[in-house]
Amino acid sequence: MSEKEYAGTTVNVDEQGYLTDFSQWTRDVGVGIATEEDVTITNRHWEVINFIQDQFKKDSPLSIRKIGKSGVVDIKEFYKLFPDGPLKKASRIAGIPKPKSCI
């Protein structure tokens, strides 16, 4: 485990850059991670991130299919919002561990 700093906040991350303590996440931390992932955050991104965080808090496993059926975003838009590995990027930005469905 190591530490990273985003917007003046130091957080604990694993070897892949995912936060190891969700309570350290803030919107500013999310924006910092998004910048590393080459994602410019919009209100649509926040809607998806909020859904992902809600599912995490409910201990509900995530998959791209589940997000596509959520009514929050369809799969095509999900890939546009978070290109090149949308579930990995969105989960990392949301401050949650990498979903088990991600390789």
PDB file of N, CA and C in Angstrom:
ATOM      1  N   MET A   1       0.838  -1.171   0.000  1.00  0.00           N
ATOM      2  CA  MET A   1       0.000   0.000   0.000  1.00  0.00           C
ATOM      3  C   MET A   1       0.885   1.237   0.000  1.00  0.00           C
ATOM      4  N   SER A   2       0.427   2.249  -0.724  1.00  0.00           N
ATOM      5  CA  SER A   2       1.174   3.492  -0.763  1.00  0.00           C
ATOM      6  C   SER A   2       0.206   4.664  -0.622  1.00  0.00           C
ATOM      7  N   GLU A   3       0.764   5.842  -0.656  1.00  0.00           N
ATOM      8  CA  GLU A   3      -0.049   7.050  -0.525  1.00  0.00           C
ATOM      9  C   GLU A   3       0.075   7.899  -1.779  1.00  0.00           C
ATOM     10  N   LYS A   4      -1.013   8.618  -2.094  1.00  0.00           N
ATOM     11  CA  LYS A   4      -1.017   9.583  -3.186  1.00  0.00           C
ATOM     12  C   LYS A   4      -1.691  10.835  -2.682  1.00  0.00           C
ATOM     13  N   GLU A   5      -1.393  11.940  -3.333  1.00  0.00           N
ATOM     14  CA  GLU A   5      -2.033  13.194  -2.949  1.00  0.00           C
ATOM     15  C   GLU A   5      -2.849  13.736  -4.107  1.00  0.00           C
ATOM     16  N   TYR A   6      -4.090  14.067  -3.809  1.00  0.00           N
ATOM     17  CA  TYR A   6      -4.995  14.680  -4.768  1.00  0.00           C
ATOM     18  C   TYR A   6      -5.598  15.915  -4.113  1.00  0.00           C
ATOM     19  N   ALA A   7      -5.472  17.041  -4.749  1.00  0.00           N
ATOM     20  CA  ALA A   7      -6.064  18.301  -4.270  1.00  0.00           C
ATOM     21  C   ALA A   7      -5.734  18.563  -2.803  1.00  0.00           C
ATOM     22  N   GLY A   8      -4.497  18.283  -2.425  1.00  0.00           N
ATOM     23  CA  GLY A   8      -4.060  18.542  -1.058  1.00  0.00           C
ATOM     24  C   GLY A   8      -4.477  17.501  -0.042  1.00  0.00           C
ATOM     25  N   THR A   9      -5.119  16.425  -0.491  1.00  0.00           N
ATOM     26  CA  THR A   9      -5.557  15.350   0.399  1.00  0.00           C
ATOM     27  C   THR A   9      -4.715  14.110   0.131  1.00  0.00           C
ATOM     28  N   THR A  10      -4.115  13.566   1.179  1.00  0.00           N
ATOM     29  CA  THR A  10      -3.339  12.338   1.050  1.00  0.00           C
ATOM     30  C   THR A  10      -4.253  11.149   1.296  1.00  0.00           C
ATOM     31  N   VAL A  11      -4.225  10.188   0.369  1.00  0.00           N
ATOM     32  CA  VAL A  11      -5.072   8.992   0.469  1.00  0.00           C
ATOM     33  C   VAL A  11      -4.206   7.748   0.338  1.00  0.00           C
ATOM     34  N   ASN A  12      -4.691   6.645   0.888  1.00  0.00           N
ATOM     35  CA  ASN A  12      -4.022   5.346   0.765  1.00  0.00           C
ATOM     36  C   ASN A  12      -4.557   4.640  -0.470  1.00  0.00           C
ATOM     37  N   VAL A  13      -3.637   4.125  -1.289  1.00  0.00           N
ATOM     38  CA  VAL A  13      -4.021   3.421  -2.512  1.00  0.00           C
ATOM     39  C   VAL A  13      -3.294   2.085  -2.597  1.00  0.00           C
ATOM     40  N   ASP A  14      -3.899   1.166  -3.359  1.00  0.00           N
ATOM     41  CA  ASP A  14      -3.240  -0.115  -3.591  1.00  0.00           C
ATOM     42  C   ASP A  14      -2.284   0.013  -4.778  1.00  0.00           C
ATOM     43  N   GLU A  15      -1.700  -1.092  -5.192  1.00  0.00           N
ATOM     44  CA  GLU A  15      -0.703  -1.059  -6.265  1.00  0.00           C
ATOM     45  C   GLU A  15      -1.283  -0.634  -7.613  1.00  0.00           C
ATOM     46  N   GLN A  16      -2.621  -0.716  -7.778  1.00  0.00           N
ATOM     47  CA  GLN A  16      -3.252  -0.299  -9.036  1.00  0.00           C
ATOM     48  C   GLN A  16      -3.851   1.111  -8.949  1.00  0.00           C
ATOM     49  N   GLY A  17      -3.680   1.765  -7.811  1.00  0.00           N
ATOM     50  CA  GLY A  17      -4.154   3.137  -7.668  1.00  0.00           C
ATOM     51  C   GLY A  17      -5.561   3.291  -7.137  1.00  0.00           C
ATOM     52  N   TYR A  18      -6.182   2.186  -6.713  1.00  0.00           N
ATOM     53  CA  TYR A  18      -7.526   2.252  -6.130  1.00  0.00           C
ATOM     54  C   TYR A  18      -7.422   2.609  -4.653  1.00  0.00           C
ATOM     55  N   LEU A  19      -8.314   3.482  -4.185  1.00  0.00           N
ATOM     56  CA  LEU A  19      -8.329   3.832  -2.769  1.00  0.00           C
ATOM     57  C   LEU A  19      -8.566   2.580  -1.922  1.00  0.00           C
ATOM     58  N   THR A  20      -7.874   2.487  -0.806  1.00  0.00           N
ATOM     59  CA  THR A  20      -8.070   1.353   0.097  1.00  0.00           C
ATOM     60  C   THR A  20      -9.006   1.715   1.245  1.00  0.00           C
ATOM     61  N   ASP A  21      -9.349   2.996   1.360  1.00  0.00           N
ATOM     62  CA  ASP A  21     -10.252   3.465   2.412  1.00  0.00           C
ATOM     63  C   ASP A  21     -11.230   4.451   1.789  1.00  0.00           C
ATOM     64  N   PHE A  22     -12.460   3.985   1.545  1.00  0.00           N
ATOM     65  CA  PHE A  22     -13.463   4.808   0.873  1.00  0.00           C
ATOM     66  C   PHE A  22     -13.733   6.111   1.627  1.00  0.00           C
ATOM     67  N   SER A  23     -13.568   6.105   2.946  1.00  0.00           N
ATOM     68  CA  SER A  23     -13.857   7.307   3.732  1.00  0.00           C
ATOM     69  C   SER A  23     -12.893   8.459   3.398  1.00  0.00           C
ATOM     70  N   GLN A  24     -11.799   8.173   2.715  1.00  0.00           N
ATOM     71  CA  GLN A  24     -10.858   9.218   2.313  1.00  0.00           C
ATOM     72  C   GLN A  24     -11.282   9.918   1.018  1.00  0.00           C
ATOM     73  N   TRP A  25     -12.301   9.390   0.347  1.00  0.00           N
ATOM     74  CA  TRP A  25     -12.728   9.942  -0.936  1.00  0.00           C
ATOM     75  C   TRP A  25     -13.498  11.241  -0.743  1.00  0.00           C
ATOM     76  N   THR A  26     -13.206  12.215  -1.599  1.00  0.00           N
ATOM     77  CA  THR A  26     -13.980  13.451  -1.723  1.00  0.00           C
ATOM     78  C   THR A  26     -14.145  13.713  -3.210  1.00  0.00           C
ATOM     79  N   ARG A  27     -15.009  14.640  -3.551  1.00  0.00           N
ATOM     80  CA  ARG A  27     -15.165  14.987  -4.971  1.00  0.00           C
ATOM     81  C   ARG A  27     -13.849  15.489  -5.557  1.00  0.00           C
ATOM     82  N   ASP A  28     -13.101  16.255  -4.763  1.00  0.00           N
ATOM     83  CA  ASP A  28     -11.807  16.759  -5.249  1.00  0.00           C
ATOM     84  C   ASP A  28     -10.833  15.615  -5.518  1.00  0.00           C
ATOM     85  N   VAL A  29     -10.841  14.602  -4.652  1.00  0.00           N
ATOM     86  CA  VAL A  29     -10.011  13.415  -4.878  1.00  0.00           C
ATOM     87  C   VAL A  29     -10.464  12.733  -6.166  1.00  0.00           C
ATOM     88  N   GLY A  30     -11.778  12.595  -6.358  1.00  0.00           N
ATOM     89  CA  GLY A  30     -12.315  11.994  -7.578  1.00  0.00           C
ATOM     90  C   GLY A  30     -11.888  12.732  -8.824  1.00  0.00           C
ATOM     91  N   VAL A  31     -11.914  14.049  -8.764  1.00  0.00           N
ATOM     92  CA  VAL A  31     -11.477  14.854  -9.915  1.00  0.00           C
ATOM     93  C   VAL A  31      -9.990  14.631 -10.186  1.00  0.00           C
ATOM     94  N   GLY A  32      -9.188  14.530  -9.131  1.00  0.00           N
ATOM     95  CA  GLY A  32      -7.757  14.276  -9.301  1.00  0.00           C
ATOM     96  C   GLY A  32      -7.492  12.930  -9.960  1.00  0.00           C
ATOM     97  N   ILE A  33      -8.231  11.915  -9.523  1.00  0.00           N
ATOM     98  CA  ILE A  33      -8.086  10.579 -10.130  1.00  0.00           C
ATOM     99  C   ILE A  33      -8.551  10.622 -11.581  1.00  0.00           C
ATOM    100  N   ALA A  34      -9.664  11.315 -11.837  1.00  0.00           N
ATOM    101  CA  ALA A  34     -10.181  11.430 -13.208  1.00  0.00           C
ATOM    102  C   ALA A  34      -9.154  12.079 -14.125  1.00  0.00           C
ATOM    103  N   THR A  35      -8.459  13.079 -13.620  1.00  0.00           N
ATOM    104  CA  THR A  35      -7.421  13.740 -14.413  1.00  0.00           C
ATOM    105  C   THR A  35      -6.340  12.741 -14.798  1.00  0.00           C
ATOM    106  N   GLU A  36      -5.935  11.894 -13.846  1.00  0.00           N
ATOM    107  CA  GLU A  36      -4.950  10.842 -14.161  1.00  0.00           C
ATOM    108  C   GLU A  36      -5.470   9.879 -15.218  1.00  0.00           C
ATOM    109  N   GLU A  37      -6.788   9.653 -15.216  1.00  0.00           N
ATOM    110  CA  GLU A  37      -7.407   8.716 -16.164  1.00  0.00           C
ATOM    111  C   GLU A  37      -7.813   9.398 -17.476  1.00  0.00           C
ATOM    112  N   ASP A  38      -7.434  10.673 -17.644  1.00  0.00           N
ATOM    113  CA  ASP A  38      -7.793  11.450 -18.838  1.00  0.00           C
ATOM    114  C   ASP A  38      -9.308  11.549 -19.040  1.00  0.00           C
ATOM    115  N   VAL A  39     -10.032  11.721 -17.931  1.00  0.00           N
ATOM    116  CA  VAL A  39     -11.481  11.887 -17.968  1.00  0.00           C
ATOM    117  C   VAL A  39     -11.808  13.277 -17.418  1.00  0.00           C
ATOM    118  N   THR A  40     -12.550  14.052 -18.196  1.00  0.00           N
ATOM    119  CA  THR A  40     -13.015  15.356 -17.737  1.00  0.00           C
ATOM    120  C   THR A  40     -14.418  15.176 -17.174  1.00  0.00           C
ATOM    121  N   ILE A  41     -14.558  15.404 -15.885  1.00  0.00           N
ATOM    122  CA  ILE A  41     -15.806  15.114 -15.181  1.00  0.00           C
ATOM    123  C   ILE A  41     -16.909  16.123 -15.537  1.00  0.00           C
ATOM    124  N   THR A  42     -18.083  15.578 -15.865  1.00  0.00           N
ATOM    125  CA  THR A  42     -19.283  16.374 -16.118  1.00  0.00           C
ATOM    126  C   THR A  42     -20.375  15.912 -15.147  1.00  0.00           C
ATOM    127  N   ASN A  43     -21.523  16.560 -15.204  1.00  0.00           N
ATOM    128  CA  ASN A  43     -22.644  16.127 -14.346  1.00  0.00           C
ATOM    129  C   ASN A  43     -23.052  14.689 -14.635  1.00  0.00           C
ATOM    130  N   ARG A  44     -22.964  14.269 -15.896  1.00  0.00           N
ATOM    131  CA  ARG A  44     -23.299  12.873 -16.241  1.00  0.00           C
ATOM    132  C   ARG A  44     -22.330  11.909 -15.555  1.00  0.00           C
ATOM    133  N   HIS A  45     -21.060  12.260 -15.523  1.00  0.00           N
ATOM    134  CA  HIS A  45     -20.085  11.423 -14.820  1.00  0.00           C
ATOM    135  C   HIS A  45     -20.473  11.301 -13.348  1.00  0.00           C
ATOM    136  N   TRP A  46     -20.841  12.428 -12.721  1.00  0.00           N
ATOM    137  CA  TRP A  46     -21.200  12.390 -11.295  1.00  0.00           C
ATOM    138  C   TRP A  46     -22.420  11.504 -11.062  1.00  0.00           C
ATOM    139  N   GLU A  47     -23.388  11.507 -11.983  1.00  0.00           N
ATOM    140  CA  GLU A  47     -24.558  10.644 -11.826  1.00  0.00           C
ATOM    141  C   GLU A  47     -24.142   9.178 -11.788  1.00  0.00           C
ATOM    142  N   VAL A  48     -23.254   8.809 -12.697  1.00  0.00           N
ATOM    143  CA  VAL A  48     -22.770   7.423 -12.746  1.00  0.00           C
ATOM    144  C   VAL A  48     -21.943   7.110 -11.502  1.00  0.00           C
ATOM    145  N   ILE A  49     -21.061   8.011 -11.116  1.00  0.00           N
ATOM    146  CA  ILE A  49     -20.223   7.804  -9.929  1.00  0.00           C
ATOM    147  C   ILE A  49     -21.081   7.656  -8.682  1.00  0.00           C
ATOM    148  N   ASN A  50     -22.117   8.482  -8.548  1.00  0.00           N
ATOM    149  CA  ASN A  50     -23.017   8.365  -7.398  1.00  0.00           C
ATOM    150  C   ASN A  50     -23.712   7.013  -7.371  1.00  0.00           C
ATOM    151  N   PHE A  51     -24.153   6.517  -8.536  1.00  0.00           N
ATOM    152  CA  PHE A  51     -24.775   5.196  -8.613  1.00  0.00           C
ATOM    153  C   PHE A  51     -23.792   4.114  -8.174  1.00  0.00           C
ATOM    154  N   ILE A  52     -22.569   4.188  -8.693  1.00  0.00           N
ATOM    155  CA  ILE A  52     -21.545   3.197  -8.345  1.00  0.00           C
ATOM    156  C   ILE A  52     -21.266   3.214  -6.841  1.00  0.00           C
ATOM    157  N   GLN A  53     -21.157   4.389  -6.270  1.00  0.00           N
ATOM    158  CA  GLN A  53     -20.909   4.483  -4.828  1.00  0.00           C
ATOM    159  C   GLN A  53     -22.086   3.942  -4.029  1.00  0.00           C
ATOM    160  N   ASP A  54     -23.313   4.217  -4.464  1.00  0.00           N
ATOM    161  CA  ASP A  54     -24.489   3.680  -3.772  1.00  0.00           C
ATOM    162  C   ASP A  54     -24.487   2.154  -3.793  1.00  0.00           C
ATOM    163  N   GLN A  55     -24.135   1.575  -4.933  1.00  0.00           N
ATOM    164  CA  GLN A  55     -24.076   0.116  -5.037  1.00  0.00           C
ATOM    165  C   GLN A  55     -22.992  -0.443  -4.124  1.00  0.00           C
ATOM    166  N   PHE A  56     -21.865   0.245  -4.060  1.00  0.00           N
ATOM    167  CA  PHE A  56     -20.770  -0.179  -3.184  1.00  0.00           C
ATOM    168  C   PHE A  56     -21.218  -0.158  -1.724  1.00  0.00           C
ATOM    169  N   LYS A  57     -21.905   0.910  -1.329  1.00  0.00           N
ATOM    170  CA  LYS A  57     -22.375   1.034   0.054  1.00  0.00           C
ATOM    171  C   LYS A  57     -23.393  -0.049   0.400  1.00  0.00           C
ATOM    172  N   LYS A  58     -24.138  -0.523  -0.603  1.00  0.00           N
ATOM    173  CA  LYS A  58     -25.123  -1.602  -0.405  1.00  0.00           C
ATOM    174  C   LYS A  58     -24.468  -2.977  -0.507  1.00  0.00           C
ATOM    175  N   ASP A  59     -23.153  -2.988  -0.750  1.00  0.00           N
ATOM    176  CA  ASP A  59     -22.395  -4.231  -0.937  1.00  0.00           C
ATOM    177  C   ASP A  59     -22.950  -5.044  -2.101  1.00  0.00           C
ATOM    178  N   SER A  60     -23.378  -4.336  -3.137  1.00  0.00           N
ATOM    179  CA  SER A  60     -23.942  -4.965  -4.324  1.00  0.00           C
ATOM    180  C   SER A  60     -22.871  -5.047  -5.406  1.00  0.00           C
ATOM    181  N   PRO A  61     -22.560  -6.248  -5.900  1.00  0.00           N
ATOM    182  CA  PRO A  61     -21.503  -6.381  -6.904  1.00  0.00           C
ATOM    183  C   PRO A  61     -21.823  -5.611  -8.186  1.00  0.00           C
ATOM    184  N   LEU A  62     -20.793  -5.052  -8.776  1.00  0.00           N
ATOM    185  CA  LEU A  62     -20.952  -4.255  -9.984  1.00  0.00           C
ATOM    186  C   LEU A  62     -20.482  -5.002 -11.222  1.00  0.00           C
ATOM    187  N   SER A  63     -21.161  -4.737 -12.322  1.00  0.00           N
ATOM    188  CA  SER A  63     -20.725  -5.215 -13.629  1.00  0.00           C
ATOM    189  C   SER A  63     -21.178  -4.181 -14.652  1.00  0.00           C
ATOM    190  N   ILE A  64     -20.588  -4.223 -15.820  1.00  0.00           N
ATOM    191  CA  ILE A  64     -20.993  -3.299 -16.877  1.00  0.00           C
ATOM    192  C   ILE A  64     -22.460  -3.531 -17.219  1.00  0.00           C
ATOM    193  N   ARG A  65     -22.864  -4.778 -17.254  1.00  0.00           N
ATOM    194  CA  ARG A  65     -24.258  -5.106 -17.563  1.00  0.00           C
ATOM    195  C   ARG A  65     -25.207  -4.483 -16.543  1.00  0.00           C
ATOM    196  N   LYS A  66     -24.863  -4.585 -15.264  1.00  0.00           N
ATOM    197  CA  LYS A  66     -25.713  -4.019 -14.213  1.00  0.00           C
ATOM    198  C   LYS A  66     -25.817  -2.506 -14.361  1.00  0.00           C
ATOM    199  N   ILE A  67     -24.723  -1.855 -14.677  1.00  0.00           N
ATOM    200  CA  ILE A  67     -24.753  -0.405 -14.865  1.00  0.00           C
ATOM    201  C   ILE A  67     -25.609  -0.056 -16.079  1.00  0.00           C
ATOM    202  N   GLY A  68     -25.506  -0.848 -17.142  1.00  0.00           N
ATOM    203  CA  GLY A  68     -26.316  -0.610 -18.337  1.00  0.00           C
ATOM    204  C   GLY A  68     -27.798  -0.769 -18.094  1.00  0.00           C
ATOM    205  N   LYS A  69     -28.170  -1.621 -17.133  1.00  0.00           N
ATOM    206  CA  LYS A  69     -29.578  -1.850 -16.809  1.00  0.00           C
ATOM    207  C   LYS A  69     -30.058  -0.962 -15.662  1.00  0.00           C
ATOM    208  N   SER A  70     -29.193  -0.098 -15.162  1.00  0.00           N
ATOM    209  CA  SER A  70     -29.503   0.719 -13.987  1.00  0.00           C
ATOM    210  C   SER A  70     -30.539   1.806 -14.249  1.00  0.00           C
ATOM    211  N   GLY A  71     -30.670   2.222 -15.500  1.00  0.00           N
ATOM    212  CA  GLY A  71     -31.522   3.358 -15.814  1.00  0.00           C
ATOM    213  C   GLY A  71     -30.771   4.680 -15.663  1.00  0.00           C
ATOM    214  N   VAL A  72     -29.548   4.619 -15.157  1.00  0.00           N
ATOM    215  CA  VAL A  72     -28.731   5.819 -14.993  1.00  0.00           C
ATOM    216  C   VAL A  72     -28.002   6.130 -16.291  1.00  0.00           C
ATOM    217  N   VAL A  73     -27.474   5.100 -16.920  1.00  0.00           N
ATOM    218  CA  VAL A  73     -26.696   5.257 -18.150  1.00  0.00           C
ATOM    219  C   VAL A  73     -26.776   3.948 -18.925  1.00  0.00           C
ATOM    220  N   ASP A  74     -26.825   4.043 -20.258  1.00  0.00           N
ATOM    221  CA  ASP A  74     -26.767   2.807 -21.037  1.00  0.00           C
ATOM    222  C   ASP A  74     -25.305   2.456 -21.302  1.00  0.00           C
ATOM    223  N   ILE A  75     -25.084   1.262 -21.761  1.00  0.00           N
ATOM    224  CA  ILE A  75     -23.716   0.764 -21.923  1.00  0.00           C
ATOM    225  C   ILE A  75     -22.929   1.615 -22.926  1.00  0.00           C
ATOM    226  N   LYS A  76     -23.563   2.018 -24.019  1.00  0.00           N
ATOM    227  CA  LYS A  76     -22.871   2.820 -25.030  1.00  0.00           C
ATOM    228  C   LYS A  76     -22.384   4.144 -24.440  1.00  0.00           C
ATOM    229  N   GLU A  77     -23.240   4.827 -23.683  1.00  0.00           N
ATOM    230  CA  GLU A  77     -22.832   6.091 -23.074  1.00  0.00           C
ATOM    231  C   GLU A  77     -21.780   5.863 -21.995  1.00  0.00           C
ATOM    232  N   PHE A  78     -21.910   4.755 -21.257  1.00  0.00           N
ATOM    233  CA  PHE A  78     -20.929   4.423 -20.213  1.00  0.00           C
ATOM    234  C   PHE A  78     -19.528   4.343 -20.818  1.00  0.00           C
ATOM    235  N   TYR A  79     -19.411   3.695 -21.982  1.00  0.00           N
ATOM    236  CA  TYR A  79     -18.120   3.599 -22.665  1.00  0.00           C
ATOM    237  C   TYR A  79     -17.641   4.959 -23.171  1.00  0.00           C
ATOM    238  N   LYS A  80     -18.563   5.845 -23.549  1.00  0.00           N
ATOM    239  CA  LYS A  80     -18.167   7.193 -23.992  1.00  0.00           C
ATOM    240  C   LYS A  80     -17.680   8.023 -22.807  1.00  0.00           C
ATOM    241  N   LEU A  81     -18.358   7.889 -21.668  1.00  0.00           N
ATOM    242  CA  LEU A  81     -17.981   8.666 -20.485  1.00  0.00           C
ATOM    243  C   LEU A  81     -16.638   8.230 -19.911  1.00  0.00           C
ATOM    244  N   PHE A  82     -16.407   6.911 -19.904  1.00  0.00           N
ATOM    245  CA  PHE A  82     -15.198   6.336 -19.304  1.00  0.00           C
ATOM    246  C   PHE A  82     -14.549   5.385 -20.313  1.00  0.00           C
ATOM    247  N   PRO A  83     -13.913   5.925 -21.360  1.00  0.00           N
ATOM    248  CA  PRO A  83     -13.340   5.064 -22.414  1.00  0.00           C
ATOM    249  C   PRO A  83     -12.196   4.176 -21.918  1.00  0.00           C
ATOM    250  N   ASP A  84     -12.001   3.077 -22.633  1.00  0.00           N
ATOM    251  CA  ASP A  84     -10.888   2.155 -22.360  1.00  0.00           C
ATOM    252  C   ASP A  84     -10.966   1.548 -20.956  1.00  0.00           C
ATOM    253  N   GLY A  85     -11.985   0.778 -20.715  1.00  0.00           N
ATOM    254  CA  GLY A  85     -12.145   0.138 -19.404  1.00  0.00           C
ATOM    255  C   GLY A  85     -13.060   0.932 -18.498  1.00  0.00           C
ATOM    256  N   PRO A  86     -14.321   1.113 -18.900  1.00  0.00           N
ATOM    257  CA  PRO A  86     -15.202   2.018 -18.165  1.00  0.00           C
ATOM    258  C   PRO A  86     -15.448   1.640 -16.705  1.00  0.00           C
ATOM    259  N   LEU A  87     -15.627   0.381 -16.411  1.00  0.00           N
ATOM    260  CA  LEU A  87     -15.914   0.010 -15.027  1.00  0.00           C
ATOM    261  C   LEU A  87     -14.691   0.204 -14.141  1.00  0.00           C
ATOM    262  N   LYS A  88     -13.522  -0.121 -14.656  1.00  0.00           N
ATOM    263  CA  LYS A  88     -12.290   0.104 -13.891  1.00  0.00           C
ATOM    264  C   LYS A  88     -12.096   1.590 -13.609  1.00  0.00           C
ATOM    265  N   LYS A  89     -12.197   2.419 -14.662  1.00  0.00           N
ATOM    266  CA  LYS A  89     -11.978   3.860 -14.495  1.00  0.00           C
ATOM    267  C   LYS A  89     -13.020   4.470 -13.573  1.00  0.00           C
ATOM    268  N   ALA A  90     -14.289   4.158 -13.823  1.00  0.00           N
ATOM    269  CA  ALA A  90     -15.364   4.744 -13.021  1.00  0.00           C
ATOM    270  C   ALA A  90     -15.237   4.333 -11.556  1.00  0.00           C
ATOM    271  N   SER A  91     -14.873   3.087 -11.301  1.00  0.00           N
ATOM    272  CA  SER A  91     -14.715   2.611  -9.925  1.00  0.00           C
ATOM    273  C   SER A  91     -13.546   3.294  -9.241  1.00  0.00           C
ATOM    274  N   ARG A  92     -12.463   3.452  -9.955  1.00  0.00           N
ATOM    275  CA  ARG A  92     -11.291   4.122  -9.383  1.00  0.00           C
ATOM    276  C   ARG A  92     -11.615   5.575  -9.051  1.00  0.00           C
ATOM    277  N   ILE A  93     -12.291   6.271  -9.979  1.00  0.00           N
ATOM    278  CA  ILE A  93     -12.670   7.661  -9.745  1.00  0.00           C
ATOM    279  C   ILE A  93     -13.654   7.759  -8.585  1.00  0.00           C
ATOM    280  N   ALA A  94     -14.540   6.779  -8.457  1.00  0.00           N
ATOM    281  CA  ALA A  94     -15.542   6.765  -7.386  1.00  0.00           C
ATOM    282  C   ALA A  94     -14.936   6.420  -6.024  1.00  0.00           C
ATOM    283  N   GLY A  95     -13.686   5.980  -6.022  1.00  0.00           N
ATOM    284  CA  GLY A  95     -13.009   5.702  -4.756  1.00  0.00           C
ATOM    285  C   GLY A  95     -13.301   4.339  -4.157  1.00  0.00           C
ATOM    286  N   ILE A  96     -13.802   3.421  -4.991  1.00  0.00           N
ATOM    287  CA  ILE A  96     -14.112   2.083  -4.490  1.00  0.00           C
ATOM    288  C   ILE A  96     -13.092   1.076  -5.022  1.00  0.00           C
ATOM    289  N   PRO A  97     -13.004  -0.096  -4.393  1.00  0.00           N
ATOM    290  CA  PRO A  97     -12.064  -1.120  -4.900  1.00  0.00           C
ATOM    291  C   PRO A  97     -12.442  -1.576  -6.305  1.00  0.00           C
ATOM    292  N   LYS A  98     -11.460  -2.105  -7.023  1.00  0.00           N
ATOM    293  CA  LYS A  98     -11.717  -2.631  -8.351  1.00  0.00           C
ATOM    294  C   LYS A  98     -12.749  -3.752  -8.251  1.00  0.00           C
ATOM    295  N   PRO A  99     -13.838  -3.674  -9.037  1.00  0.00           N
ATOM    296  CA  PRO A  99     -14.861  -4.716  -8.992  1.00  0.00           C
ATOM    297  C   PRO A  99     -14.283  -6.079  -9.370  1.00  0.00           C
ATOM    298  N   LYS A 100     -14.819  -7.113  -8.758  1.00  0.00           N
ATOM    299  CA  LYS A 100     -14.351  -8.471  -9.029  1.00  0.00           C
ATOM    300  C   LYS A 100     -14.582  -8.871 -10.491  1.00  0.00           C
ATOM    301  N   SER A 101     -15.578  -8.236 -11.143  1.00  0.00           N
ATOM    302  CA  SER A 101     -15.864  -8.569 -12.544  1.00  0.00           C
ATOM    303  C   SER A 101     -14.828  -8.004 -13.499  1.00  0.00           C
ATOM    304  N   CYS A 102     -13.930  -7.147 -13.016  1.00  0.00           N
ATOM    305  CA  CYS A 102     -12.870  -6.569 -13.853  1.00  0.00           C
ATOM    306  C   CYS A 102     -11.630  -7.434 -13.778  1.00  0.00           C
ATOM    307  N   ILE A 103     -11.015  -7.645 -14.925  1.00  0.00           N
ATOM    308  CA  ILE A 103      -9.800  -8.464 -14.974  1.00  0.00           C
ATOM    309  C   ILE A 103      -8.605  -7.600 -14.642  1.00  0.00           C
TER     310      ILE A 103
END
